[in-house]
């Protein structure tokens, strides 16, 4: 038989992460099943045999860090993302901006302008599906923000804490307004075909990151104010990967929370870390919106609690998703931007010349704002009228009653067709009548 069985470290973490709604009885049952599932020659109970001890939110996930140890080594190394950011991107980005400002101004002769508008934008949407908000980990804008922070701290300055209550209120409005202004600027001034203006767009976003970083700690700009970051956070929910921590392990074994607030190295494997740059604890994440995949939590965690997992794409949209007004507004604006980018074709459909709105003019600006606003306004009006108003409730009830009345005869026919037939009664035999010959056939015709 089996000798004394020992739980592996990963198995202990699996048991700690589970809630055990059945208390000690469920725990005993899980251990007994695991012992039966383990071969006689093995005296260790591995994580895999405790398959029943999985939270609903942890099911249908594969921890890629366990499956691919080299990936874990890479993400915990100094290469990701610091070496990429400060040894490569920090030097390449100024060259890119310079070539946009002083190089050829049309897409036929400026490869960087063509790459930015024809390749980078589509690629970033494809990246959402695989790696969520990973662009924010290597984004060039915040690299210079962090350089400003290092300079400020070196001069003895003290960076301010985040004004969370106020920025939760006006931050989304700022992000929305800035994004809308960029889209109008792109349309009216034809940024996709003007290299210098595209360069100034990159400079504008970088300056915003640098100004915020000069006064506030960590990445206030990335979490609340950056228009690209806001879009990244929204579409990151579609990703097939996620970074999470096991809540039971964090609450049962950790007392320092260096992954969140930063701290020195902690054995057995925690590295020195400044903490999460956007103040997100991996154990409290319910979606990918506020995770930039910088892996600071993975590096800081001494308990191997952090996981980078493969999951069904967009699963949080139908499980834990809670829509935010700011996200809906941004989504409706992006829907309007689709029509704005096809403004000449829209003019043709309306019976106007394709070049009705061209060049820099107040009319072009006003029409651009209107085109972006109309789709979202129509959706909001339809929702308010047909779903949330008493009129909408009355219309829905009336349509439901009408359908019920029309479908009631069909329901009766279906019920009659599927109802079980009563058992056939035997025919009475008259007294004194001779009995007939026994029936030889098994087929009954009646």
Protein backbone atom coordinates (compact mmCIF):
# COMPACT_ATOMS: atom_id res chain seq x y z
CA UNK A 1 0.00 0.00 0.00
CA UNK A 2 0.90 3.63 0.08
CA UNK A 3 3.22 5.06 2.67
CA UNK A 4 2.78 8.44 4.28
CA UNK A 5 1.48 10.93 1.75
CA UNK A 6 2.91 14.44 1.56
CA UNK A 7 1.31 17.50 -0.04
CA UNK A 8 3.41 19.36 -2.59
CA UNK A 9 3.80 23.12 -2.25
CA UNK A 10 1.52 23.73 -5.24
CA UNK A 11 -1.11 21.41 -3.78
CA UNK A 12 -1.09 23.37 -0.52
CA UNK A 13 -1.59 26.59 -2.44
CA UNK A 14 -4.48 25.03 -4.36
CA UNK A 15 -6.14 24.03 -1.09
CA UNK A 16 -5.54 27.46 0.44
CA UNK A 17 -7.05 29.20 -2.57
CA UNK A 18 -10.32 27.26 -2.36
CA UNK A 19 -13.21 28.53 -0.22
CA UNK A 20 -14.38 25.12 1.14
CA UNK A 21 -18.11 25.77 1.40
CA UNK A 22 -18.51 22.24 2.80
CA UNK A 23 -16.00 22.93 5.60
CA UNK A 24 -13.90 20.09 7.04
CA UNK A 25 -16.11 17.39 5.54
CA UNK A 26 -15.43 18.60 2.01
CA UNK A 27 -11.71 18.89 2.78
CA UNK A 28 -11.53 15.33 4.08
CA UNK A 29 -13.41 14.05 1.04
CA UNK A 30 -11.07 15.90 -1.34
CA UNK A 31 -7.96 14.49 0.40
CA UNK A 32 -9.39 10.94 0.35
CA UNK A 33 -10.16 11.20 -3.38
CA UNK A 34 -6.68 12.57 -4.04
CA UNK A 35 -5.10 9.67 -2.13
CA UNK A 36 -7.09 7.15 -4.16
CA UNK A 37 -6.13 8.89 -7.41
CA UNK A 38 -2.41 8.81 -6.55
CA UNK A 39 -0.42 5.77 -7.64
CA UNK A 40 0.90 3.39 -4.97
CA UNK A 41 4.50 4.19 -5.86
CA UNK A 42 4.03 7.93 -5.37
CA UNK A 43 3.99 9.41 -1.87
CA UNK A 44 3.20 12.99 -2.97
CA UNK A 45 -0.21 14.52 -3.51
CA UNK A 46 0.25 16.91 -6.44
CA UNK A 47 -1.91 19.88 -7.36
CA UNK A 48 -3.55 18.00 -10.22
CA UNK A 49 -5.27 15.41 -7.99
CA UNK A 50 -7.16 18.17 -6.19
CA UNK A 51 -9.08 19.08 -9.32
CA UNK A 52 -12.33 19.44 -7.34
CA UNK A 53 -10.85 22.21 -5.18
CA UNK A 54 -11.17 24.95 -7.79
CA UNK A 55 -13.14 28.14 -7.51
CA UNK A 56 -15.67 28.81 -10.26
CA UNK A 57 -13.60 31.77 -11.44
CA UNK A 58 -10.51 29.53 -11.66
CA UNK A 59 -12.04 26.83 -13.83
CA UNK A 60 -11.12 26.46 -17.49
CA UNK A 61 -7.76 28.15 -16.83
CA UNK A 62 -4.21 26.97 -17.53
CA UNK A 63 -1.32 28.55 -15.64
CA UNK A 64 1.21 29.29 -18.39
CA UNK A 65 3.97 29.96 -15.87
CA UNK A 66 3.83 26.34 -14.69
CA UNK A 67 3.41 24.92 -18.17
CA UNK A 68 6.30 26.96 -19.60
CA UNK A 69 9.01 27.54 -16.94
CA UNK A 70 11.13 29.53 -19.40
CA UNK A 71 8.29 32.03 -19.76
CA UNK A 72 8.27 32.49 -15.99
CA UNK A 73 12.02 33.07 -15.96
CA UNK A 74 11.73 35.66 -18.70
CA UNK A 75 8.87 37.57 -17.08
CA UNK A 76 10.69 37.63 -13.72
CA UNK A 77 13.93 38.83 -15.28
CA UNK A 78 15.10 42.42 -15.67
CA UNK A 79 14.57 42.13 -19.42
CA UNK A 80 10.78 42.45 -19.03
CA UNK A 81 9.98 45.24 -19.32
CA UNK A 82 12.76 47.47 -17.91
CA UNK A 83 15.58 46.49 -20.25
CA UNK A 84 13.27 46.77 -23.25
CA UNK A 85 11.99 50.16 -22.14
CA UNK A 86 15.14 51.91 -20.95
CA UNK A 87 17.77 50.23 -23.13
CA UNK A 88 15.84 50.22 -26.40
CA UNK A 89 12.55 52.11 -26.58
CA UNK A 90 13.84 55.18 -24.75
CA UNK A 91 16.38 55.72 -27.55
CA UNK A 92 14.30 54.61 -30.52
CA UNK A 93 11.20 56.67 -29.73
CA UNK A 94 12.90 60.11 -30.12
CA UNK A 95 14.27 58.97 -33.48
CA UNK A 96 10.77 57.98 -34.59
CA UNK A 97 9.32 61.33 -33.51
CA UNK A 98 12.18 63.20 -35.22
CA UNK A 99 11.63 61.39 -38.51
CA UNK A 100 7.93 62.21 -38.33
CA UNK A 101 8.60 65.89 -37.63
CA UNK A 102 11.37 66.50 -40.16
CA UNK A 103 11.14 63.59 -42.58
CA UNK A 104 8.91 63.20 -45.65
CA UNK A 105 5.36 64.26 -44.83
CA UNK A 106 3.32 61.79 -46.91
CA UNK A 107 2.73 58.09 -46.38
CA UNK A 108 4.22 57.13 -49.72
CA UNK A 109 7.64 58.40 -48.67
CA UNK A 110 7.59 58.08 -44.86
CA UNK A 111 7.61 54.43 -43.77
CA UNK A 112 7.13 55.33 -40.10
CA UNK A 113 3.99 57.35 -40.83
CA UNK A 114 2.61 54.44 -42.84
CA UNK A 115 3.52 51.95 -40.12
CA UNK A 116 1.88 54.04 -37.40
CA UNK A 117 -1.49 54.42 -39.10
CA UNK A 118 -1.68 51.31 -41.32
CA UNK A 119 0.01 48.72 -39.13
CA UNK A 120 0.30 49.75 -35.48
CA UNK A 121 -3.40 50.48 -34.97
CA UNK A 122 -4.62 47.14 -36.43
CA UNK A 123 -1.89 45.22 -34.60
CA UNK A 124 -2.77 46.70 -31.24
CA UNK A 125 -6.35 45.46 -31.62
CA UNK A 126 -5.06 41.98 -32.43
CA UNK A 127 -2.80 42.09 -29.35
CA UNK A 128 -5.85 42.78 -27.16
CA UNK A 129 -7.18 39.32 -27.97
CA UNK A 130 -3.98 37.57 -26.91
CA UNK A 131 -2.24 39.65 -24.26
CA UNK A 132 -4.74 42.27 -23.14
CA UNK A 133 -3.19 45.55 -22.06
CA UNK A 134 0.41 44.45 -22.58
CA UNK A 135 1.16 47.51 -24.76
CA UNK A 136 1.02 49.66 -21.62
CA UNK A 137 3.96 47.71 -20.17
CA UNK A 138 6.26 48.81 -23.02
CA UNK A 139 4.53 52.07 -23.92
CA UNK A 140 7.08 54.80 -24.80
CA UNK A 141 4.96 57.60 -23.34
CA UNK A 142 5.33 56.51 -19.73
CA UNK A 143 9.02 55.68 -20.07
CA UNK A 144 9.74 59.41 -20.01
CA UNK A 145 7.25 59.84 -17.19
CA UNK A 146 9.26 57.39 -15.10
CA UNK A 147 12.48 59.18 -16.04
CA UNK A 148 10.94 62.42 -14.78
CA UNK A 149 9.96 60.69 -11.53
CA UNK A 150 13.50 59.42 -11.03
CA UNK A 151 14.87 62.92 -11.61
CA UNK A 152 12.39 64.47 -9.20
CA UNK A 153 13.15 61.92 -6.48
CA UNK A 154 16.89 62.41 -7.00
CA UNK A 155 16.44 66.13 -6.30
CA UNK A 156 14.72 65.37 -3.00
CA UNK A 157 11.15 66.00 -4.14
CA UNK A 158 8.24 64.09 -2.64
CA UNK A 159 5.66 62.82 -5.10
CA UNK A 160 2.02 63.22 -4.15
CA UNK A 161 -0.42 60.44 -3.40
CA UNK A 162 -3.26 59.92 -5.83
CA UNK A 163 -6.39 62.03 -5.22
CA UNK A 164 -8.54 58.96 -5.72
CA UNK A 165 -11.94 60.37 -4.83
CA UNK A 166 -11.68 63.39 -7.11
CA UNK A 167 -9.92 61.68 -9.99
CA UNK A 168 -12.50 58.88 -10.05
CA UNK A 169 -15.03 61.64 -10.81
CA UNK A 170 -13.27 63.90 -13.31
CA UNK A 171 -10.68 61.45 -14.69
CA UNK A 172 -13.05 59.63 -17.07
CA UNK A 173 -14.43 62.96 -18.37
CA UNK A 174 -10.90 64.19 -19.06
CA UNK A 175 -9.99 60.97 -20.86
CA UNK A 176 -13.17 61.06 -22.95
CA UNK A 177 -12.70 64.72 -23.91
CA UNK A 178 -9.05 64.27 -24.84
CA UNK A 179 -9.81 61.19 -26.95
CA UNK A 180 -12.64 63.00 -28.73
CA UNK A 181 -10.37 65.99 -29.43
CA UNK A 182 -7.70 63.68 -30.88
CA UNK A 183 -10.24 62.02 -33.18
CA UNK A 184 -11.51 65.38 -34.43
CA UNK A 185 -7.92 66.58 -34.89
CA UNK A 186 -7.14 63.40 -36.83
CA UNK A 187 -10.12 63.91 -39.16
CA UNK A 188 -10.03 67.65 -39.79
CA UNK A 189 -6.26 68.09 -40.03
CA UNK A 190 -5.74 64.72 -41.81
CA UNK A 191 -3.17 63.34 -39.37
CA UNK A 192 -2.86 59.93 -41.10
CA UNK A 193 -1.35 61.72 -44.12
CA UNK A 194 0.62 64.41 -42.28
CA UNK A 195 3.77 63.13 -40.59
CA UNK A 196 4.59 66.26 -38.54
CA UNK A 197 1.13 66.40 -36.94
CA UNK A 198 1.34 62.69 -36.16
CA UNK A 199 4.65 63.37 -34.44
CA UNK A 200 3.06 66.16 -32.40
CA UNK A 201 0.32 63.74 -31.36
CA UNK A 202 2.94 61.43 -29.88
CA UNK A 203 4.61 64.39 -28.18
CA UNK A 204 1.29 65.56 -26.70
CA UNK A 205 0.56 62.21 -25.05
CA UNK A 206 4.15 61.94 -23.80
CA UNK A 207 3.98 65.41 -22.25
CA UNK A 208 0.79 64.44 -20.44
CA UNK A 209 2.54 61.40 -18.95
CA UNK A 210 5.56 63.49 -17.95
CA UNK A 211 3.51 66.25 -16.29
CA UNK A 212 1.49 63.76 -14.22
CA UNK A 213 4.62 61.87 -13.25
CA UNK A 214 6.33 65.06 -12.13
CA UNK A 215 3.73 65.56 -9.39
CA UNK A 216 2.14 62.18 -8.62
CA UNK A 217 3.64 58.81 -7.78
CA UNK A 218 3.52 55.76 -10.01
CA UNK A 219 1.33 55.83 -13.13
CA UNK A 220 -1.63 58.07 -12.46
CA UNK A 221 -1.69 59.01 -16.16
CA UNK A 222 -1.89 55.39 -17.31
CA UNK A 223 -4.75 54.39 -15.03
CA UNK A 224 -7.03 57.41 -15.27
CA UNK A 225 -6.08 59.92 -17.97
CA UNK A 226 -4.34 58.37 -20.96
CA UNK A 227 -6.73 58.00 -23.94
CA UNK A 228 -4.80 55.02 -25.31
CA UNK A 229 -4.76 53.45 -21.85
CA UNK A 230 -8.51 53.88 -21.48
CA UNK A 231 -9.13 52.12 -24.77
CA UNK A 232 -6.59 49.41 -23.90
CA UNK A 233 -8.27 48.74 -20.56
CA UNK A 234 -11.68 48.37 -22.15
CA UNK A 235 -10.63 45.99 -24.93
CA UNK A 236 -8.28 44.02 -22.66
CA UNK A 237 -11.38 42.29 -21.28
CA UNK A 238 -11.54 40.34 -24.55
CA UNK A 239 -8.14 38.76 -23.95
CA UNK A 240 -7.54 35.02 -23.77
CA UNK A 241 -4.95 35.55 -21.01
CA UNK A 242 -5.15 37.03 -17.53
CA UNK A 243 -2.88 37.75 -14.59
CA UNK A 244 -4.36 36.80 -11.23
CA UNK A 245 -3.23 35.74 -7.74
CA UNK A 246 -4.72 33.02 -5.55
CA UNK A 247 -6.65 34.83 -2.86
CA UNK A 248 -6.28 32.10 -0.25
CA UNK A 249 -2.51 32.06 -0.62
CA UNK A 250 -2.27 35.85 -0.40
CA UNK A 251 -4.45 36.03 2.70
CA UNK A 252 -3.01 32.92 4.35
CA UNK A 253 0.73 33.31 3.76
CA UNK A 254 1.52 36.94 2.87
CA UNK A 255 1.89 39.76 5.39
CA UNK A 256 4.00 42.27 3.42
CA UNK A 257 2.03 42.81 0.18
CA UNK A 258 5.13 43.95 -1.67
CA UNK A 259 3.35 43.20 -4.94
CA UNK A 260 1.03 46.12 -4.21
CA UNK A 261 3.00 48.66 -2.21
CA UNK A 262 6.56 47.66 -3.09
CA UNK A 263 9.43 46.58 -0.88
CA UNK A 264 12.74 44.83 -0.59
CA UNK A 265 13.49 41.26 -1.62
CA UNK A 266 11.72 38.61 0.45
CA UNK A 267 12.69 34.94 0.56
CA UNK A 268 12.28 32.42 -0.82
CA UNK A 269 11.88 34.03 -4.24
CA UNK A 270 10.46 37.56 -3.86
CA UNK A 271 12.52 40.21 -5.66
CA UNK A 272 12.86 43.87 -4.79
CA UNK A 273 10.00 45.76 -6.40
CA UNK A 274 8.48 49.24 -6.49
CA UNK A 275 5.02 47.65 -6.42
CA UNK A 276 2.20 47.75 -8.92
CA UNK A 277 2.55 50.91 -11.06
CA UNK A 278 -1.22 51.44 -11.23
CA UNK A 279 -2.07 50.28 -7.69
CA UNK A 280 -3.79 46.99 -8.47
CA UNK A 281 -3.45 43.96 -6.21
CA UNK A 282 -3.47 40.78 -8.35
CA UNK A 283 -5.71 38.96 -5.87
CA UNK A 284 -8.50 41.55 -6.19
CA UNK A 285 -8.53 41.79 -9.98
CA UNK A 286 -11.85 40.75 -11.49
CA UNK A 287 -11.01 41.80 -15.05
CA UNK A 288 -8.05 42.95 -17.14
CA UNK A 289 -8.92 46.64 -17.18
CA UNK A 290 -6.42 47.69 -14.51
CA UNK A 291 -3.56 45.28 -15.27
CA UNK A 292 -0.77 46.31 -17.66
CA UNK A 293 1.12 42.98 -17.53
CA UNK A 294 4.29 44.62 -16.22
CA UNK A 295 4.77 41.54 -13.97
CA UNK A 296 5.95 43.53 -10.95
CA UNK A 297 3.63 41.44 -8.78
CA UNK A 298 5.10 38.22 -10.18
CA UNK A 299 8.61 39.42 -9.36
CA UNK A 300 7.73 40.62 -5.86
CA UNK A 301 5.68 37.60 -4.73
CA UNK A 302 7.67 35.22 -2.49
CA UNK A 303 4.86 32.66 -2.27
CA UNK A 304 4.38 31.77 -5.96
CA UNK A 305 0.79 32.99 -5.77
CA UNK A 306 0.70 35.00 -9.01
CA UNK A 307 -0.42 33.17 -12.14
CA UNK A 308 -0.46 34.15 -15.80
CA UNK A 309 -3.29 32.05 -17.17
CA UNK A 310 -4.81 31.01 -20.45
CA UNK A 311 -8.59 31.30 -20.35
CA UNK A 312 -11.64 31.35 -22.65
CA UNK A 313 -11.47 34.66 -24.55
CA UNK A 314 -13.59 37.40 -23.02
CA UNK A 315 -15.01 35.12 -20.33
CA UNK A 316 -15.36 37.95 -17.83
CA UNK A 317 -17.86 39.69 -20.12
CA UNK A 318 -20.50 37.09 -19.20
CA UNK A 319 -19.29 36.25 -15.68
CA UNK A 320 -17.87 39.05 -13.52
CA UNK A 321 -18.30 42.00 -15.88
CA UNK A 322 -19.86 45.18 -14.50
CA UNK A 323 -20.29 47.86 -17.19
CA UNK A 324 -19.11 51.35 -16.33
CA UNK A 325 -20.69 54.53 -17.66
CA UNK A 326 -17.27 55.83 -18.69
CA UNK A 327 -16.55 52.67 -20.69
CA UNK A 328 -19.92 52.78 -22.42
CA UNK A 329 -19.37 56.43 -23.36
CA UNK A 330 -15.93 55.62 -24.77
CA UNK A 331 -17.31 52.64 -26.66
CA UNK A 332 -20.10 54.72 -28.22
CA UNK A 333 -17.58 57.39 -29.20
CA UNK A 334 -15.39 54.80 -30.91
CA UNK A 335 -18.48 53.56 -32.74
CA UNK A 336 -19.04 57.11 -33.97
CA UNK A 337 -15.36 57.26 -34.98
CA UNK A 338 -16.00 54.40 -37.41
CA UNK A 339 -18.53 56.61 -39.24
CA UNK A 340 -16.22 59.61 -38.96
CA UNK A 341 -13.41 57.73 -40.68
CA UNK A 342 -15.82 57.02 -43.53
CA UNK A 343 -17.24 60.53 -43.76
CA UNK A 344 -16.89 60.85 -47.58
CA UNK A 345 -18.85 57.62 -48.10
CA UNK A 346 -21.45 58.78 -45.59
CA UNK A 347 -21.86 62.02 -47.53
CA UNK A 348 -22.44 60.06 -50.75
CA UNK A 349 -25.13 57.96 -49.05
CA UNK A 350 -26.84 61.16 -47.96
CA UNK A 351 -26.80 62.52 -51.51
CA UNK A 352 -23.93 64.97 -50.96
CA UNK A 353 -20.63 65.21 -52.81
CA UNK A 354 -17.89 63.09 -51.24
CA UNK A 355 -15.70 66.16 -50.68
CA UNK A 356 -18.41 68.22 -48.95
CA UNK A 357 -16.38 68.34 -45.72
CA UNK A 358 -12.68 68.67 -46.41
CA UNK A 359 -9.93 70.86 -45.06
CA UNK A 360 -9.79 72.85 -41.85
CA UNK A 361 -13.07 74.63 -41.19
CA UNK A 362 -15.55 75.13 -38.38
CA UNK A 363 -18.15 73.25 -40.41
CA UNK A 364 -15.84 70.24 -40.69
CA UNK A 365 -15.17 70.31 -36.93
CA UNK A 366 -18.87 70.60 -36.07
CA UNK A 367 -19.85 67.77 -38.43
CA UNK A 368 -17.06 65.58 -37.03
CA UNK A 369 -18.34 66.06 -33.49
CA UNK A 370 -21.91 65.40 -34.63
CA UNK A 371 -21.02 62.21 -36.50
CA UNK A 372 -19.21 60.85 -33.45
CA UNK A 373 -22.08 61.72 -31.12
CA UNK A 374 -25.10 60.53 -33.11
CA UNK A 375 -24.65 56.71 -32.97
CA UNK A 376 -24.19 56.68 -29.20
CA UNK A 377 -27.01 59.17 -28.69
CA UNK A 378 -29.40 56.99 -30.72
CA UNK A 379 -28.48 53.90 -28.72
CA UNK A 380 -28.92 55.76 -25.44
CA UNK A 381 -32.28 57.15 -26.56
CA UNK A 382 -33.53 53.73 -27.64
CA UNK A 383 -32.48 52.23 -24.31
CA UNK A 384 -34.09 55.03 -22.33
CA UNK A 385 -37.32 54.91 -24.34
CA UNK A 386 -37.83 51.19 -24.83
CA UNK A 387 -36.20 49.66 -21.76
CA UNK A 388 -36.10 52.09 -18.85
CA UNK A 389 -39.18 54.26 -19.32
CA UNK A 390 -42.78 53.34 -18.34
CA UNK A 391 -43.68 53.66 -22.01
CA UNK A 392 -41.07 51.07 -22.92
CA UNK A 393 -42.29 48.73 -20.21
CA UNK A 394 -45.87 49.13 -21.46
CA UNK A 395 -44.82 48.48 -25.06
CA UNK A 396 -42.92 45.37 -24.00
CA UNK A 397 -45.89 44.08 -22.01
CA UNK A 398 -48.25 44.79 -24.91
CA UNK A 399 -46.04 42.96 -27.39
CA UNK A 400 -45.71 40.07 -24.95
CA UNK A 401 -49.49 39.82 -24.51
CA UNK A 402 -50.05 39.95 -28.28
CA UNK A 403 -47.51 37.18 -28.87
CA UNK A 404 -49.03 35.07 -26.08
CA UNK A 405 -52.50 35.37 -27.60
CA UNK A 406 -51.23 34.42 -31.07
CA UNK A 407 -49.16 31.50 -29.80
CA UNK A 408 -51.79 30.07 -27.44
CA UNK A 409 -53.59 27.97 -30.14
CA UNK A 410 -50.26 26.56 -31.28
CA UNK A 411 -49.38 25.71 -27.69
CA UNK A 412 -52.68 23.82 -27.28
CA UNK A 413 -52.06 21.84 -30.46
CA UNK A 414 -48.56 20.98 -29.36
CA UNK A 415 -49.81 19.90 -25.95
CA UNK A 416 -52.48 17.69 -27.50
CA UNK A 417 -50.00 16.12 -29.89
CA UNK A 418 -47.50 15.28 -27.18
CA UNK A 419 -49.99 14.17 -24.49
CA UNK A 420 -49.78 10.42 -23.63
CA UNK A 421 -52.61 8.29 -25.02
CA UNK A 422 -54.85 6.47 -22.50
CA UNK A 423 -54.37 2.67 -22.35
CA UNK A 424 -56.62 0.71 -24.69
CA UNK A 425 -59.41 -1.12 -22.90
CA UNK A 426 -60.03 -4.82 -23.82
CA UNK A 427 -63.19 -5.53 -25.81
CA UNK A 428 -65.97 -7.16 -23.79
CA UNK A 429 -66.78 -10.79 -24.58
CA UNK A 430 -70.48 -11.69 -24.82
CA UNK A 431 -71.68 -14.41 -22.50
CA UNK A 432 -71.98 -17.78 -24.20
CA UNK A 433 -70.04 -16.67 -27.30
CA UNK A 434 -67.39 -19.13 -28.45
CA UNK A 435 -63.89 -18.05 -27.89
CA UNK A 436 -62.02 -17.25 -31.06
CA UNK A 437 -58.71 -18.76 -32.08
CA UNK A 438 -55.66 -17.32 -30.34
CA UNK A 439 -53.97 -14.44 -32.18
CA UNK A 440 -50.68 -15.50 -33.75
CA UNK A 441 -49.50 -12.06 -34.80
CA UNK A 442 -47.66 -9.57 -32.63
CA UNK A 443 -48.88 -6.64 -34.72
CA UNK A 444 -51.94 -4.96 -33.29
CA UNK A 445 -54.19 -3.10 -35.68
CA UNK A 446 -56.94 -1.20 -34.02
